[in-house]
């Protein structure tokens, strides 16, 4: 993803140098490759301490942030459970489809990738929900994956999200971002 790099004002350059120094120390620590991947996904350019600290308020707040979603996805990937956030995002995009032909085609793809038994990115849902979706995609609507999306959201909220907030990556990001505006 290309990004615009601009030089900060001189009075802020020392903050950037401090941040870079913290990043270097973090990278030298244990789990170097994983932390490097997280820092690349996070690239703290473009968001601030206030935004990141709000991520701890709720999973919805985290998911409403482009950066938060990307960092959370990198965290889930490190835990081999990124199919949950991936499915959640696919469902959000699916709900925006207007064409019934496109909706039908996309519903079948989502079902094959995430819902059916032994799917390549199978999500953890009960048999009843799986069968309801199998029935729903015969005449798909914008809400045919809502039950599965609600289950996945609940799993992330109860399990992955609390671990993310306690993770080294979230703590490192909070430590490496200038606390401008924080009293």
N, C-alpha and C. Protein backbone atom coordinates (compact mmCIF):
# COMPACT_ATOMS: atom_id res chain seq x y z
N UNK A 1 0.84 -1.16 0.00
CA UNK A 1 0.00 0.00 0.00
C UNK A 1 0.89 1.23 0.00
N UNK A 2 0.88 2.08 -1.02
CA UNK A 2 1.73 3.26 -1.05
C UNK A 2 1.29 4.26 -0.01
N UNK A 3 2.28 4.96 0.54
CA UNK A 3 1.95 5.98 1.53
C UNK A 3 2.77 7.22 1.24
N UNK A 4 2.23 8.35 1.63
CA UNK A 4 2.90 9.62 1.43
C UNK A 4 3.78 9.88 2.65
N UNK A 5 5.04 10.17 2.41
CA UNK A 5 5.96 10.45 3.49
C UNK A 5 6.29 11.93 3.46
N UNK A 6 6.06 12.58 4.56
CA UNK A 6 6.38 14.00 4.65
C UNK A 6 7.30 14.20 5.83
N UNK A 7 8.13 15.21 5.76
CA UNK A 7 9.02 15.51 6.87
C UNK A 7 8.25 16.26 7.94
N UNK A 8 8.41 15.84 9.21
CA UNK A 8 7.70 16.52 10.28
C UNK A 8 8.36 17.87 10.59
N UNK A 9 7.62 18.76 11.23
CA UNK A 9 8.23 20.03 11.63
C UNK A 9 9.42 19.75 12.54
N UNK A 10 10.36 20.68 12.58
CA UNK A 10 11.58 20.47 13.36
C UNK A 10 11.31 20.17 14.82
N UNK A 11 10.31 20.85 15.39
CA UNK A 11 10.03 20.63 16.81
C UNK A 11 9.50 19.22 17.09
N UNK A 12 9.02 18.49 16.05
CA UNK A 12 8.51 17.14 16.24
C UNK A 12 9.52 16.07 15.82
N UNK A 13 10.63 16.49 15.22
CA UNK A 13 11.60 15.51 14.73
C UNK A 13 12.18 14.68 15.87
N UNK A 14 12.37 15.28 17.05
CA UNK A 14 12.92 14.50 18.16
C UNK A 14 11.93 13.41 18.60
N UNK A 15 10.63 13.66 18.46
CA UNK A 15 9.63 12.63 18.79
C UNK A 15 9.72 11.47 17.83
N UNK A 16 9.90 11.79 16.54
CA UNK A 16 10.04 10.72 15.55
C UNK A 16 11.29 9.90 15.80
N UNK A 17 12.40 10.58 16.18
CA UNK A 17 13.63 9.86 16.47
C UNK A 17 13.42 8.96 17.68
N UNK A 18 12.71 9.46 18.70
CA UNK A 18 12.43 8.64 19.88
C UNK A 18 11.58 7.43 19.49
N UNK A 19 10.59 7.63 18.63
CA UNK A 19 9.75 6.53 18.18
C UNK A 19 10.56 5.50 17.41
N UNK A 20 11.43 5.98 16.51
CA UNK A 20 12.26 5.07 15.73
C UNK A 20 13.18 4.27 16.65
N UNK A 21 13.73 4.92 17.68
CA UNK A 21 14.59 4.23 18.63
C UNK A 21 13.80 3.15 19.37
N UNK A 22 12.58 3.45 19.80
CA UNK A 22 11.73 2.46 20.47
C UNK A 22 11.42 1.30 19.54
N UNK A 23 11.14 1.61 18.27
CA UNK A 23 10.84 0.54 17.31
C UNK A 23 12.05 -0.37 17.14
N UNK A 24 13.25 0.23 17.03
CA UNK A 24 14.46 -0.58 16.86
C UNK A 24 14.68 -1.49 18.06
N UNK A 25 14.49 -0.96 19.28
CA UNK A 25 14.65 -1.78 20.47
C UNK A 25 13.62 -2.90 20.51
N UNK A 26 12.42 -2.60 20.10
CA UNK A 26 11.35 -3.59 20.07
C UNK A 26 11.70 -4.71 19.09
N UNK A 27 12.20 -4.33 17.92
CA UNK A 27 12.53 -5.31 16.88
C UNK A 27 13.67 -6.20 17.32
N UNK A 28 14.63 -5.65 18.08
CA UNK A 28 15.75 -6.45 18.54
C UNK A 28 15.33 -7.48 19.59
N UNK A 29 14.18 -7.27 20.21
CA UNK A 29 13.70 -8.18 21.25
C UNK A 29 13.26 -9.51 20.70
N UNK A 30 12.66 -10.32 21.57
CA UNK A 30 12.19 -11.64 21.13
C UNK A 30 11.05 -11.51 20.14
N UNK A 31 10.80 -12.56 19.40
CA UNK A 31 9.74 -12.59 18.39
C UNK A 31 9.97 -11.53 17.32
N UNK A 32 11.17 -11.36 16.90
CA UNK A 32 11.53 -10.28 15.97
C UNK A 32 10.70 -10.30 14.69
N UNK A 33 10.60 -11.44 14.03
CA UNK A 33 9.87 -11.48 12.76
C UNK A 33 8.41 -11.10 12.94
N UNK A 34 7.79 -11.62 13.98
CA UNK A 34 6.38 -11.33 14.23
C UNK A 34 6.18 -9.85 14.52
N UNK A 35 7.03 -9.29 15.35
CA UNK A 35 6.92 -7.87 15.67
C UNK A 35 7.16 -7.00 14.45
N UNK A 36 8.09 -7.40 13.60
CA UNK A 36 8.34 -6.64 12.37
C UNK A 36 7.10 -6.64 11.49
N UNK A 37 6.47 -7.81 11.36
CA UNK A 37 5.25 -7.90 10.54
C UNK A 37 4.16 -7.00 11.12
N UNK A 38 4.02 -7.02 12.44
CA UNK A 38 3.00 -6.19 13.08
C UNK A 38 3.29 -4.71 12.87
N UNK A 39 4.56 -4.34 13.03
CA UNK A 39 4.91 -2.93 12.88
C UNK A 39 4.72 -2.47 11.44
N UNK A 40 5.00 -3.37 10.48
CA UNK A 40 4.75 -3.02 9.08
C UNK A 40 3.27 -2.85 8.84
N UNK A 41 2.46 -3.73 9.38
CA UNK A 41 1.00 -3.63 9.22
C UNK A 41 0.49 -2.38 9.92
N UNK A 42 1.14 -2.03 11.02
CA UNK A 42 0.65 -0.93 11.83
C UNK A 42 1.12 0.43 11.36
N UNK A 43 2.31 0.50 10.84
CA UNK A 43 2.91 1.77 10.45
C UNK A 43 2.18 2.95 11.09
N UNK A 44 2.68 3.40 12.21
CA UNK A 44 1.96 4.36 13.03
C UNK A 44 1.74 5.71 12.37
N UNK A 45 2.19 5.88 11.15
CA UNK A 45 1.89 7.10 10.43
C UNK A 45 0.39 7.16 10.18
N UNK A 46 -0.27 8.26 10.51
CA UNK A 46 -1.67 8.41 10.16
C UNK A 46 -2.64 8.17 11.29
N UNK A 47 -2.18 7.68 12.41
CA UNK A 47 -3.08 7.58 13.54
C UNK A 47 -2.34 7.92 14.81
N UNK A 48 -3.08 8.13 15.87
CA UNK A 48 -2.48 8.68 17.07
C UNK A 48 -2.84 7.86 18.30
N UNK A 49 -2.23 8.23 19.39
CA UNK A 49 -2.44 7.56 20.66
C UNK A 49 -3.91 7.53 21.04
N UNK A 50 -4.60 8.66 20.84
CA UNK A 50 -6.01 8.73 21.22
C UNK A 50 -6.84 7.68 20.47
N UNK A 51 -6.59 7.54 19.17
CA UNK A 51 -7.32 6.55 18.38
C UNK A 51 -7.03 5.14 18.90
N UNK A 52 -5.74 4.83 19.11
CA UNK A 52 -5.38 3.50 19.57
C UNK A 52 -5.92 3.21 20.96
N UNK A 53 -5.91 4.20 21.84
CA UNK A 53 -6.41 3.96 23.20
C UNK A 53 -7.92 3.71 23.18
N UNK A 54 -8.62 4.25 22.20
CA UNK A 54 -10.06 4.02 22.09
C UNK A 54 -10.37 2.59 21.65
N UNK A 55 -9.40 1.93 21.02
CA UNK A 55 -9.62 0.55 20.59
C UNK A 55 -9.93 -0.35 21.78
N UNK A 56 -9.46 0.03 22.97
CA UNK A 56 -9.70 -0.81 24.15
C UNK A 56 -11.12 -0.64 24.69
N UNK A 57 -11.89 0.30 24.16
CA UNK A 57 -13.26 0.52 24.63
C UNK A 57 -14.19 -0.59 24.20
N UNK A 58 -14.05 -1.06 22.97
CA UNK A 58 -14.91 -2.14 22.48
C UNK A 58 -14.34 -2.69 21.17
N UNK A 59 -14.77 -3.89 20.85
CA UNK A 59 -14.38 -4.49 19.58
C UNK A 59 -14.94 -3.67 18.42
N UNK A 60 -16.14 -3.12 18.58
CA UNK A 60 -16.75 -2.30 17.53
C UNK A 60 -15.88 -1.07 17.22
N UNK A 61 -15.34 -0.46 18.27
CA UNK A 61 -14.47 0.71 18.07
C UNK A 61 -13.22 0.30 17.31
N UNK A 62 -12.64 -0.83 17.68
CA UNK A 62 -11.46 -1.33 16.99
C UNK A 62 -11.77 -1.61 15.52
N UNK A 63 -12.88 -2.28 15.26
CA UNK A 63 -13.23 -2.65 13.89
C UNK A 63 -13.69 -1.47 13.04
N UNK A 64 -14.08 -0.39 13.68
CA UNK A 64 -14.49 0.80 12.92
C UNK A 64 -13.28 1.61 12.45
N UNK A 65 -12.10 1.26 12.93
CA UNK A 65 -10.86 1.93 12.54
C UNK A 65 -10.15 1.10 11.48
N UNK A 66 -9.80 1.72 10.37
CA UNK A 66 -9.07 1.02 9.31
C UNK A 66 -7.76 0.45 9.86
N UNK A 67 -7.03 1.27 10.60
CA UNK A 67 -5.76 0.81 11.16
C UNK A 67 -5.99 -0.26 12.21
N UNK A 68 -7.00 -0.06 13.05
CA UNK A 68 -7.31 -1.04 14.09
C UNK A 68 -7.63 -2.39 13.50
N UNK A 69 -8.44 -2.41 12.45
CA UNK A 69 -8.80 -3.66 11.81
C UNK A 69 -7.57 -4.35 11.23
N UNK A 70 -6.69 -3.58 10.59
CA UNK A 70 -5.47 -4.16 10.00
C UNK A 70 -4.55 -4.75 11.06
N UNK A 71 -4.40 -4.04 12.17
CA UNK A 71 -3.52 -4.51 13.23
C UNK A 71 -4.13 -5.73 13.92
N UNK A 72 -5.43 -5.68 14.15
CA UNK A 72 -6.12 -6.81 14.76
C UNK A 72 -6.02 -8.04 13.85
N UNK A 73 -6.15 -7.83 12.55
CA UNK A 73 -6.03 -8.94 11.60
C UNK A 73 -4.61 -9.53 11.64
N UNK A 74 -3.60 -8.68 11.73
CA UNK A 74 -2.22 -9.18 11.82
C UNK A 74 -2.04 -9.99 13.11
N UNK A 75 -2.65 -9.52 14.19
CA UNK A 75 -2.59 -10.26 15.45
C UNK A 75 -3.27 -11.62 15.30
N UNK A 76 -4.47 -11.63 14.72
CA UNK A 76 -5.20 -12.89 14.54
C UNK A 76 -4.43 -13.85 13.64
N UNK A 77 -3.76 -13.30 12.63
CA UNK A 77 -2.96 -14.13 11.74
C UNK A 77 -1.84 -14.81 12.53
N UNK A 78 -1.25 -14.09 13.46
CA UNK A 78 -0.18 -14.67 14.28
C UNK A 78 -0.71 -15.79 15.18
N UNK A 79 -2.00 -15.76 15.45
CA UNK A 79 -2.63 -16.80 16.27
C UNK A 79 -3.36 -17.85 15.41
N UNK A 80 -3.19 -17.77 14.12
CA UNK A 80 -3.81 -18.69 13.17
C UNK A 80 -5.34 -18.71 13.28
N UNK A 81 -5.92 -17.53 13.49
CA UNK A 81 -7.38 -17.44 13.54
C UNK A 81 -7.88 -16.23 12.77
N UNK A 82 -7.18 -15.85 11.73
CA UNK A 82 -7.59 -14.68 10.96
C UNK A 82 -8.77 -14.95 10.05
N UNK A 83 -9.20 -16.22 9.95
CA UNK A 83 -10.40 -16.49 9.14
C UNK A 83 -11.62 -15.80 9.74
N UNK A 84 -11.62 -15.58 11.05
CA UNK A 84 -12.76 -14.92 11.69
C UNK A 84 -12.92 -13.48 11.23
N UNK A 85 -11.85 -12.71 11.31
CA UNK A 85 -11.93 -11.30 10.89
C UNK A 85 -12.12 -11.22 9.38
N UNK A 86 -11.50 -12.13 8.65
CA UNK A 86 -11.64 -12.16 7.20
C UNK A 86 -13.11 -12.40 6.83
N UNK A 87 -13.76 -13.38 7.48
CA UNK A 87 -15.16 -13.66 7.23
C UNK A 87 -16.03 -12.46 7.60
N UNK A 88 -15.75 -11.85 8.74
CA UNK A 88 -16.52 -10.68 9.17
C UNK A 88 -16.43 -9.56 8.13
N UNK A 89 -15.22 -9.31 7.61
CA UNK A 89 -15.04 -8.26 6.60
C UNK A 89 -15.75 -8.62 5.29
N UNK A 90 -15.67 -9.87 4.88
CA UNK A 90 -16.34 -10.31 3.65
C UNK A 90 -17.84 -10.11 3.78
N UNK A 91 -18.38 -10.41 4.95
CA UNK A 91 -19.82 -10.21 5.18
C UNK A 91 -20.19 -8.73 5.12
N UNK A 92 -19.35 -7.88 5.68
CA UNK A 92 -19.62 -6.44 5.62
C UNK A 92 -19.65 -5.96 4.16
N UNK A 93 -18.72 -6.44 3.36
CA UNK A 93 -18.69 -6.08 1.94
C UNK A 93 -19.89 -6.68 1.21
N UNK A 94 -20.25 -7.91 1.54
CA UNK A 94 -21.38 -8.59 0.91
C UNK A 94 -22.67 -7.79 1.09
N UNK A 95 -22.86 -7.22 2.26
CA UNK A 95 -24.09 -6.47 2.56
C UNK A 95 -24.26 -5.24 1.66
N UNK A 96 -23.19 -4.79 1.05
CA UNK A 96 -23.23 -3.60 0.19
C UNK A 96 -23.60 -3.91 -1.26
N UNK A 97 -23.66 -5.19 -1.61
CA UNK A 97 -23.95 -5.59 -2.99
C UNK A 97 -25.40 -5.27 -3.32
N UNK A 98 -25.62 -4.68 -4.48
CA UNK A 98 -26.98 -4.31 -4.93
C UNK A 98 -27.53 -5.28 -5.98
N UNK A 99 -26.68 -5.80 -6.82
CA UNK A 99 -27.09 -6.68 -7.91
C UNK A 99 -27.44 -8.08 -7.37
N UNK A 100 -28.62 -8.58 -7.72
CA UNK A 100 -29.03 -9.91 -7.23
C UNK A 100 -28.16 -11.02 -7.84
N UNK A 101 -27.74 -10.86 -9.09
CA UNK A 101 -26.86 -11.84 -9.72
C UNK A 101 -25.52 -11.88 -8.98
N UNK A 102 -24.96 -10.71 -8.73
CA UNK A 102 -23.68 -10.63 -8.04
C UNK A 102 -23.80 -11.16 -6.61
N UNK A 103 -24.92 -10.85 -5.96
CA UNK A 103 -25.16 -11.32 -4.60
C UNK A 103 -25.21 -12.85 -4.56
N UNK A 104 -25.89 -13.45 -5.51
CA UNK A 104 -25.99 -14.90 -5.58
C UNK A 104 -24.62 -15.55 -5.78
N UNK A 105 -23.87 -15.00 -6.70
CA UNK A 105 -22.54 -15.52 -6.99
C UNK A 105 -21.63 -15.39 -5.76
N UNK A 106 -21.64 -14.23 -5.14
CA UNK A 106 -20.79 -13.99 -3.97
C UNK A 106 -21.22 -14.87 -2.78
N UNK A 107 -22.51 -15.06 -2.58
CA UNK A 107 -23.01 -15.89 -1.48
C UNK A 107 -22.48 -17.31 -1.61
N UNK A 108 -22.49 -17.84 -2.82
CA UNK A 108 -21.99 -19.20 -3.05
C UNK A 108 -20.49 -19.29 -2.75
N UNK A 109 -19.75 -18.26 -3.15
CA UNK A 109 -18.31 -18.24 -2.88
C UNK A 109 -18.02 -18.17 -1.38
N UNK A 110 -18.76 -17.33 -0.68
CA UNK A 110 -18.58 -17.20 0.77
C UNK A 110 -18.89 -18.53 1.45
N UNK A 111 -19.97 -19.16 1.01
CA UNK A 111 -20.36 -20.44 1.59
C UNK A 111 -19.25 -21.48 1.39
N UNK A 112 -18.74 -21.57 0.18
CA UNK A 112 -17.70 -22.56 -0.12
C UNK A 112 -16.39 -22.28 0.63
N UNK A 113 -16.07 -21.02 0.82
CA UNK A 113 -14.80 -20.66 1.46
C UNK A 113 -14.84 -20.71 2.98
N UNK A 114 -15.98 -20.36 3.59
CA UNK A 114 -16.02 -20.20 5.05
C UNK A 114 -17.05 -21.08 5.78
N UNK A 115 -18.14 -21.45 5.12
CA UNK A 115 -19.26 -22.05 5.84
C UNK A 115 -19.31 -23.58 5.73
N UNK A 116 -19.21 -24.10 4.52
CA UNK A 116 -19.40 -25.55 4.34
C UNK A 116 -18.38 -26.33 5.15
N UNK A 117 -18.77 -27.54 5.54
CA UNK A 117 -17.85 -28.40 6.29
C UNK A 117 -16.59 -28.64 5.47
N UNK A 118 -15.46 -28.56 6.15
CA UNK A 118 -14.15 -28.75 5.52
C UNK A 118 -13.80 -27.64 4.53
N UNK A 119 -14.41 -26.47 4.67
CA UNK A 119 -14.08 -25.32 3.82
C UNK A 119 -12.63 -24.91 4.06
N UNK A 120 -11.97 -24.34 3.06
CA UNK A 120 -10.56 -23.96 3.23
C UNK A 120 -10.32 -22.98 4.39
N UNK A 121 -11.30 -22.09 4.66
CA UNK A 121 -11.16 -21.11 5.75
C UNK A 121 -12.37 -21.25 6.70
N UNK A 122 -12.71 -22.49 7.00
CA UNK A 122 -13.92 -22.79 7.77
C UNK A 122 -13.94 -22.05 9.11
N UNK A 123 -15.07 -21.39 9.36
CA UNK A 123 -15.27 -20.71 10.64
C UNK A 123 -15.99 -21.65 11.60
N UNK A 124 -15.91 -21.34 12.87
CA UNK A 124 -16.47 -22.19 13.91
C UNK A 124 -17.92 -21.78 14.20
N UNK A 125 -18.86 -22.46 13.52
CA UNK A 125 -20.28 -22.22 13.75
C UNK A 125 -20.98 -23.56 13.95
N UNK A 126 -22.14 -23.52 14.55
CA UNK A 126 -22.88 -24.75 14.81
C UNK A 126 -23.55 -25.28 13.55
N UNK A 127 -23.94 -26.55 13.60
CA UNK A 127 -24.56 -27.22 12.46
C UNK A 127 -25.87 -26.54 12.05
N UNK A 128 -26.66 -26.13 13.00
CA UNK A 128 -27.95 -25.49 12.71
C UNK A 128 -27.75 -24.21 11.89
N UNK A 129 -26.79 -23.40 12.28
CA UNK A 129 -26.51 -22.15 11.56
C UNK A 129 -25.99 -22.46 10.15
N UNK A 130 -25.13 -23.46 10.06
CA UNK A 130 -24.58 -23.86 8.76
C UNK A 130 -25.70 -24.28 7.80
N UNK A 131 -26.64 -25.06 8.30
CA UNK A 131 -27.76 -25.52 7.47
C UNK A 131 -28.71 -24.37 7.12
N UNK A 132 -28.93 -23.47 8.05
CA UNK A 132 -29.77 -22.29 7.77
C UNK A 132 -29.16 -21.46 6.64
N UNK A 133 -27.86 -21.29 6.67
CA UNK A 133 -27.18 -20.52 5.61
C UNK A 133 -27.26 -21.29 4.29
N UNK A 134 -27.06 -22.60 4.35
CA UNK A 134 -27.18 -23.41 3.13
C UNK A 134 -28.55 -23.17 2.48
N UNK A 135 -29.59 -23.10 3.28
CA UNK A 135 -30.95 -22.84 2.80
C UNK A 135 -31.07 -21.39 2.29
N UNK A 136 -30.53 -20.43 3.06
CA UNK A 136 -30.65 -19.00 2.74
C UNK A 136 -29.98 -18.62 1.42
N UNK A 137 -28.88 -19.26 1.08
CA UNK A 137 -28.18 -18.84 -0.14
C UNK A 137 -28.87 -19.33 -1.41
N UNK A 138 -29.91 -20.12 -1.28
CA UNK A 138 -30.69 -20.51 -2.45
C UNK A 138 -31.42 -19.30 -3.02
N UNK A 139 -31.78 -18.37 -2.15
CA UNK A 139 -32.37 -17.09 -2.54
C UNK A 139 -31.73 -16.02 -1.66
N UNK A 140 -30.47 -15.68 -1.96
CA UNK A 140 -29.69 -14.84 -1.04
C UNK A 140 -30.24 -13.42 -0.87
N UNK A 141 -30.08 -12.94 0.35
CA UNK A 141 -30.40 -11.55 0.70
C UNK A 141 -29.19 -10.98 1.43
N UNK A 142 -29.25 -9.71 1.75
CA UNK A 142 -28.12 -9.08 2.46
C UNK A 142 -27.93 -9.63 3.87
N UNK A 143 -28.92 -10.31 4.41
CA UNK A 143 -28.83 -10.79 5.79
C UNK A 143 -28.60 -12.30 5.90
N UNK A 144 -28.34 -12.99 4.80
CA UNK A 144 -28.26 -14.46 4.86
C UNK A 144 -27.06 -14.97 5.67
N UNK A 145 -26.04 -14.15 5.91
CA UNK A 145 -24.89 -14.57 6.71
C UNK A 145 -24.89 -13.93 8.10
N UNK A 146 -25.93 -13.20 8.44
CA UNK A 146 -25.95 -12.46 9.70
C UNK A 146 -25.76 -13.35 10.94
N UNK A 147 -26.41 -14.50 10.98
CA UNK A 147 -26.27 -15.38 12.15
C UNK A 147 -24.82 -15.83 12.32
N UNK A 148 -24.19 -16.25 11.24
CA UNK A 148 -22.79 -16.68 11.31
C UNK A 148 -21.88 -15.50 11.66
N UNK A 149 -22.17 -14.35 11.11
CA UNK A 149 -21.36 -13.17 11.41
C UNK A 149 -21.48 -12.81 12.88
N UNK A 150 -22.68 -12.93 13.43
CA UNK A 150 -22.91 -12.64 14.85
C UNK A 150 -22.13 -13.63 15.74
N UNK A 151 -22.12 -14.89 15.35
CA UNK A 151 -21.38 -15.91 16.10
C UNK A 151 -19.88 -15.61 16.07
N UNK A 152 -19.36 -15.32 14.89
CA UNK A 152 -17.93 -15.02 14.74
C UNK A 152 -17.56 -13.76 15.52
N UNK A 153 -18.41 -12.75 15.45
CA UNK A 153 -18.16 -11.52 16.20
C UNK A 153 -18.09 -11.83 17.70
N UNK A 154 -19.02 -12.65 18.17
CA UNK A 154 -19.02 -13.03 19.58
C UNK A 154 -17.76 -13.77 19.98
N UNK A 155 -17.30 -14.68 19.12
CA UNK A 155 -16.05 -15.40 19.38
C UNK A 155 -14.87 -14.44 19.48
N UNK A 156 -14.80 -13.51 18.55
CA UNK A 156 -13.69 -12.54 18.58
C UNK A 156 -13.79 -11.67 19.83
N UNK A 157 -15.00 -11.23 20.16
CA UNK A 157 -15.20 -10.33 21.30
C UNK A 157 -14.83 -11.01 22.63
N UNK A 158 -15.19 -12.26 22.78
CA UNK A 158 -14.94 -12.96 24.04
C UNK A 158 -13.54 -13.56 24.14
N UNK A 159 -12.93 -13.85 23.00
CA UNK A 159 -11.68 -14.59 23.02
C UNK A 159 -10.49 -13.80 22.48
N UNK A 160 -10.52 -13.51 21.20
CA UNK A 160 -9.37 -12.88 20.54
C UNK A 160 -9.15 -11.44 20.97
N UNK A 161 -10.22 -10.68 21.08
CA UNK A 161 -10.10 -9.25 21.40
C UNK A 161 -9.44 -9.01 22.76
N UNK A 162 -9.85 -9.70 23.84
CA UNK A 162 -9.14 -9.49 25.12
C UNK A 162 -7.66 -9.87 25.04
N UNK A 163 -7.34 -10.94 24.30
CA UNK A 163 -5.93 -11.31 24.14
C UNK A 163 -5.17 -10.24 23.35
N UNK A 164 -5.82 -9.66 22.35
CA UNK A 164 -5.19 -8.60 21.58
C UNK A 164 -4.83 -7.42 22.48
N UNK A 165 -5.75 -7.02 23.35
CA UNK A 165 -5.50 -5.87 24.23
C UNK A 165 -4.34 -6.13 25.20
N UNK A 166 -4.11 -7.39 25.53
CA UNK A 166 -3.01 -7.75 26.44
C UNK A 166 -1.73 -8.09 25.69
N UNK A 167 -1.81 -8.12 24.36
CA UNK A 167 -0.68 -8.58 23.54
C UNK A 167 0.48 -7.60 23.54
N UNK A 168 1.64 -8.14 23.24
CA UNK A 168 2.84 -7.32 23.12
C UNK A 168 2.68 -6.28 22.02
N UNK A 169 2.00 -6.65 20.92
CA UNK A 169 1.88 -5.72 19.80
C UNK A 169 1.07 -4.50 20.18
N UNK A 170 -0.06 -4.70 20.84
CA UNK A 170 -0.89 -3.55 21.23
C UNK A 170 -0.14 -2.68 22.23
N UNK A 171 0.50 -3.31 23.19
CA UNK A 171 1.26 -2.55 24.19
C UNK A 171 2.43 -1.81 23.54
N UNK A 172 3.11 -2.47 22.61
CA UNK A 172 4.23 -1.82 21.92
C UNK A 172 3.75 -0.63 21.10
N UNK A 173 2.62 -0.76 20.43
CA UNK A 173 2.07 0.35 19.66
C UNK A 173 1.69 1.51 20.56
N UNK A 174 1.08 1.20 21.69
CA UNK A 174 0.70 2.26 22.63
C UNK A 174 1.95 2.97 23.15
N UNK A 175 3.01 2.21 23.40
CA UNK A 175 4.26 2.79 23.91
C UNK A 175 5.01 3.58 22.85
N UNK A 176 4.84 3.21 21.57
CA UNK A 176 5.64 3.84 20.51
C UNK A 176 4.96 5.04 19.87
N UNK A 177 3.75 5.34 20.26
CA UNK A 177 3.01 6.44 19.65
C UNK A 177 3.04 7.63 20.59
N UNK A 178 3.41 8.82 20.07
CA UNK A 178 3.42 10.01 20.93
C UNK A 178 2.03 10.26 21.51
N UNK A 179 2.01 10.64 22.77
CA UNK A 179 0.75 10.86 23.47
C UNK A 179 0.28 12.32 23.33
N UNK A 180 0.24 12.80 22.10
CA UNK A 180 -0.20 14.17 21.90
C UNK A 180 -1.65 14.30 22.30
N UNK A 181 -1.94 15.32 23.01
CA UNK A 181 -3.31 15.56 23.42
C UNK A 181 -3.70 14.81 24.68
N UNK A 182 -2.78 13.99 25.20
CA UNK A 182 -3.10 13.25 26.43
C UNK A 182 -2.64 14.09 27.62
N UNK A 183 -3.51 14.23 28.59
CA UNK A 183 -3.17 15.06 29.75
C UNK A 183 -2.59 14.23 30.86
